[in-house]
């Protein structure tokens, strides 16, 4: 939070709010450090401004980011699906992105399942561990 009365300019935050693209989860961050929030948003929007990727491709990537198991931001998923469709993406393309993104959650099972087998075998062979709790 800005301690004195000087508030930094926040043109990116303002533009996102005005366009209805502001994530309300960012409100506290913006209140605590509006200047940092502007830098964060500037960094995130940089690839879009450079126009290296086609807008439809950016929307498909944004769907993957927002739908990922580490993010799960439903309003963003919906907004980016709608925009991708408006830009000519097919339902099949969006579905493929969601299917590819769903594989991220599989890594939890890939990590945990072998450990479960190993620890169950150790318990059967060695008995309970002492002093874990």
Protein backbone atom coordinates (compact mmCIF):
# COMPACT_ATOMS: atom_id res chain seq x y z
CA UNK A 1 0.00 0.00 0.00
CA UNK A 2 1.30 3.43 -0.85
CA UNK A 3 2.07 5.16 2.44
CA UNK A 4 1.93 8.72 1.20
CA UNK A 5 -0.75 10.22 -0.99
CA UNK A 6 1.23 9.71 -4.21
CA UNK A 7 -0.31 6.96 -6.28
CA UNK A 8 1.56 5.63 -9.31
CA UNK A 9 -0.02 5.70 -12.73
CA UNK A 10 -1.67 2.38 -13.56
CA UNK A 11 -2.62 2.54 -17.24
CA UNK A 12 -2.43 -1.23 -17.82
CA UNK A 13 -4.52 -2.06 -14.76
CA UNK A 14 -7.02 0.62 -15.70
CA UNK A 15 -7.29 -0.65 -19.28
CA UNK A 16 -7.84 -4.23 -18.11
CA UNK A 17 -10.53 -3.10 -15.67
CA UNK A 18 -12.25 -1.01 -18.34
CA UNK A 19 -12.20 -3.94 -20.80
CA UNK A 20 -13.61 -6.34 -18.21
CA UNK A 21 -10.38 -8.38 -18.21
CA UNK A 22 -9.30 -7.62 -14.65
CA UNK A 23 -8.94 -10.58 -12.29
CA UNK A 24 -10.50 -9.58 -8.95
CA UNK A 25 -7.90 -11.78 -7.27
CA UNK A 26 -5.37 -9.10 -8.19
CA UNK A 27 -7.14 -6.39 -6.16
CA UNK A 28 -5.09 -6.94 -3.01
CA UNK A 29 -1.83 -7.03 -4.94
CA UNK A 30 -2.70 -3.81 -6.72
CA UNK A 31 -3.65 -2.17 -3.44
CA UNK A 32 -0.42 -3.24 -1.73
CA UNK A 33 1.91 -2.38 -4.61
CA UNK A 34 0.30 -0.87 -7.68
CA UNK A 35 3.68 -0.20 -9.28
CA UNK A 36 4.70 -3.88 -9.03
CA UNK A 37 1.31 -4.93 -10.37
CA UNK A 38 1.84 -2.72 -13.44
CA UNK A 39 5.25 -4.32 -14.04
CA UNK A 40 3.77 -7.81 -13.65
CA UNK A 41 0.99 -7.05 -16.12
CA UNK A 42 3.39 -5.38 -18.53
CA UNK A 43 5.55 -8.52 -18.51
CA UNK A 44 2.54 -10.79 -19.03
CA UNK A 45 1.16 -8.74 -21.90
CA UNK A 46 4.51 -8.24 -23.63
CA UNK A 47 4.20 -11.28 -25.96
CA UNK A 48 0.78 -10.09 -27.12
CA UNK A 49 2.04 -6.61 -27.89
CA UNK A 50 4.99 -7.99 -29.89
CA UNK A 51 2.53 -9.86 -32.14
CA UNK A 52 4.91 -12.76 -32.78
CA UNK A 53 2.05 -15.21 -32.30
CA UNK A 54 -1.31 -14.99 -34.00
CA UNK A 55 -4.12 -13.78 -31.70
CA UNK A 56 -5.90 -17.16 -31.95
CA UNK A 57 -2.73 -18.94 -30.81
CA UNK A 58 -2.38 -16.57 -27.86
CA UNK A 59 -5.97 -17.29 -26.84
CA UNK A 60 -5.38 -21.05 -27.06
CA UNK A 61 -2.28 -20.71 -24.87
CA UNK A 62 -4.24 -18.53 -22.43
CA UNK A 63 -6.89 -21.27 -22.19
CA UNK A 64 -4.16 -23.75 -21.29
CA UNK A 65 -2.68 -21.46 -18.65
CA UNK A 66 -6.02 -20.59 -17.04
CA UNK A 67 -7.30 -24.20 -17.14
CA UNK A 68 -4.08 -25.72 -15.77
CA UNK A 69 -4.29 -27.54 -12.45
CA UNK A 70 -1.98 -24.94 -10.90
CA UNK A 71 -4.19 -22.03 -11.96
CA UNK A 72 -7.84 -23.08 -12.44
CA UNK A 73 -9.13 -19.57 -13.18
CA UNK A 74 -12.60 -20.26 -14.54
CA UNK A 75 -13.47 -16.69 -15.64
CA UNK A 76 -10.28 -16.56 -17.70
CA UNK A 77 -10.92 -19.98 -19.25
CA UNK A 78 -14.39 -18.88 -20.31
CA UNK A 79 -13.20 -15.51 -21.64
CA UNK A 80 -10.33 -17.04 -23.62
CA UNK A 81 -12.51 -19.85 -25.03
CA UNK A 82 -15.01 -17.27 -26.25
CA UNK A 83 -12.29 -15.10 -27.78
CA UNK A 84 -10.57 -18.12 -29.41
CA UNK A 85 -13.88 -19.15 -30.99
CA UNK A 86 -14.48 -15.59 -32.16
CA UNK A 87 -11.01 -15.62 -33.76
CA UNK A 88 -11.83 -18.78 -35.70
CA UNK A 89 -10.71 -21.60 -33.42
CA UNK A 90 -12.80 -24.71 -33.80
CA UNK A 91 -14.41 -26.54 -30.90
CA UNK A 92 -12.00 -29.38 -31.67
CA UNK A 93 -8.97 -27.08 -31.32
CA UNK A 94 -10.16 -25.77 -27.96
CA UNK A 95 -10.96 -29.31 -26.82
CA UNK A 96 -7.45 -30.44 -27.84
CA UNK A 97 -5.94 -27.65 -25.72
CA UNK A 98 -8.04 -28.70 -22.73
CA UNK A 99 -7.10 -32.34 -23.25
CA UNK A 100 -3.39 -31.50 -23.48
CA UNK A 101 -3.65 -29.33 -20.37
CA UNK A 102 -5.37 -32.07 -18.40
CA UNK A 103 -2.20 -34.14 -18.61
CA UNK A 104 -0.56 -31.77 -16.11
CA UNK A 105 -2.67 -33.33 -13.37
CA UNK A 106 -1.47 -36.78 -14.35
CA UNK A 107 1.99 -35.92 -13.04
CA UNK A 108 0.64 -36.00 -9.50
CA UNK A 109 -0.29 -39.62 -10.02
CA UNK A 110 2.95 -40.39 -11.85
CA UNK A 111 4.90 -38.98 -8.91
CA UNK A 112 2.82 -40.44 -6.11
CA UNK A 113 1.90 -43.93 -7.39
CA UNK A 114 5.46 -45.34 -7.44
CA UNK A 115 6.07 -43.90 -3.97
CA UNK A 116 2.88 -45.56 -2.74
CA UNK A 117 4.04 -48.93 -4.07
CA UNK A 118 7.52 -48.50 -2.56
CA UNK A 119 6.25 -47.42 0.84
CA UNK A 120 3.64 -50.18 0.99
CA UNK A 121 6.39 -52.70 0.20
CA UNK A 122 8.67 -51.18 2.86
CA UNK A 123 5.88 -51.32 5.43
CA UNK A 124 5.20 -54.96 4.61
CA UNK A 125 8.92 -55.82 4.82
CA UNK A 126 10.09 -53.60 7.70
CA UNK A 127 6.98 -52.78 9.72
CA UNK A 128 5.95 -49.30 10.86
CA UNK A 129 8.44 -46.45 11.10
CA UNK A 130 9.16 -45.20 14.61
CA UNK A 131 8.96 -41.58 15.60
CA UNK A 132 7.29 -40.08 12.55
CA UNK A 133 4.61 -38.31 14.61
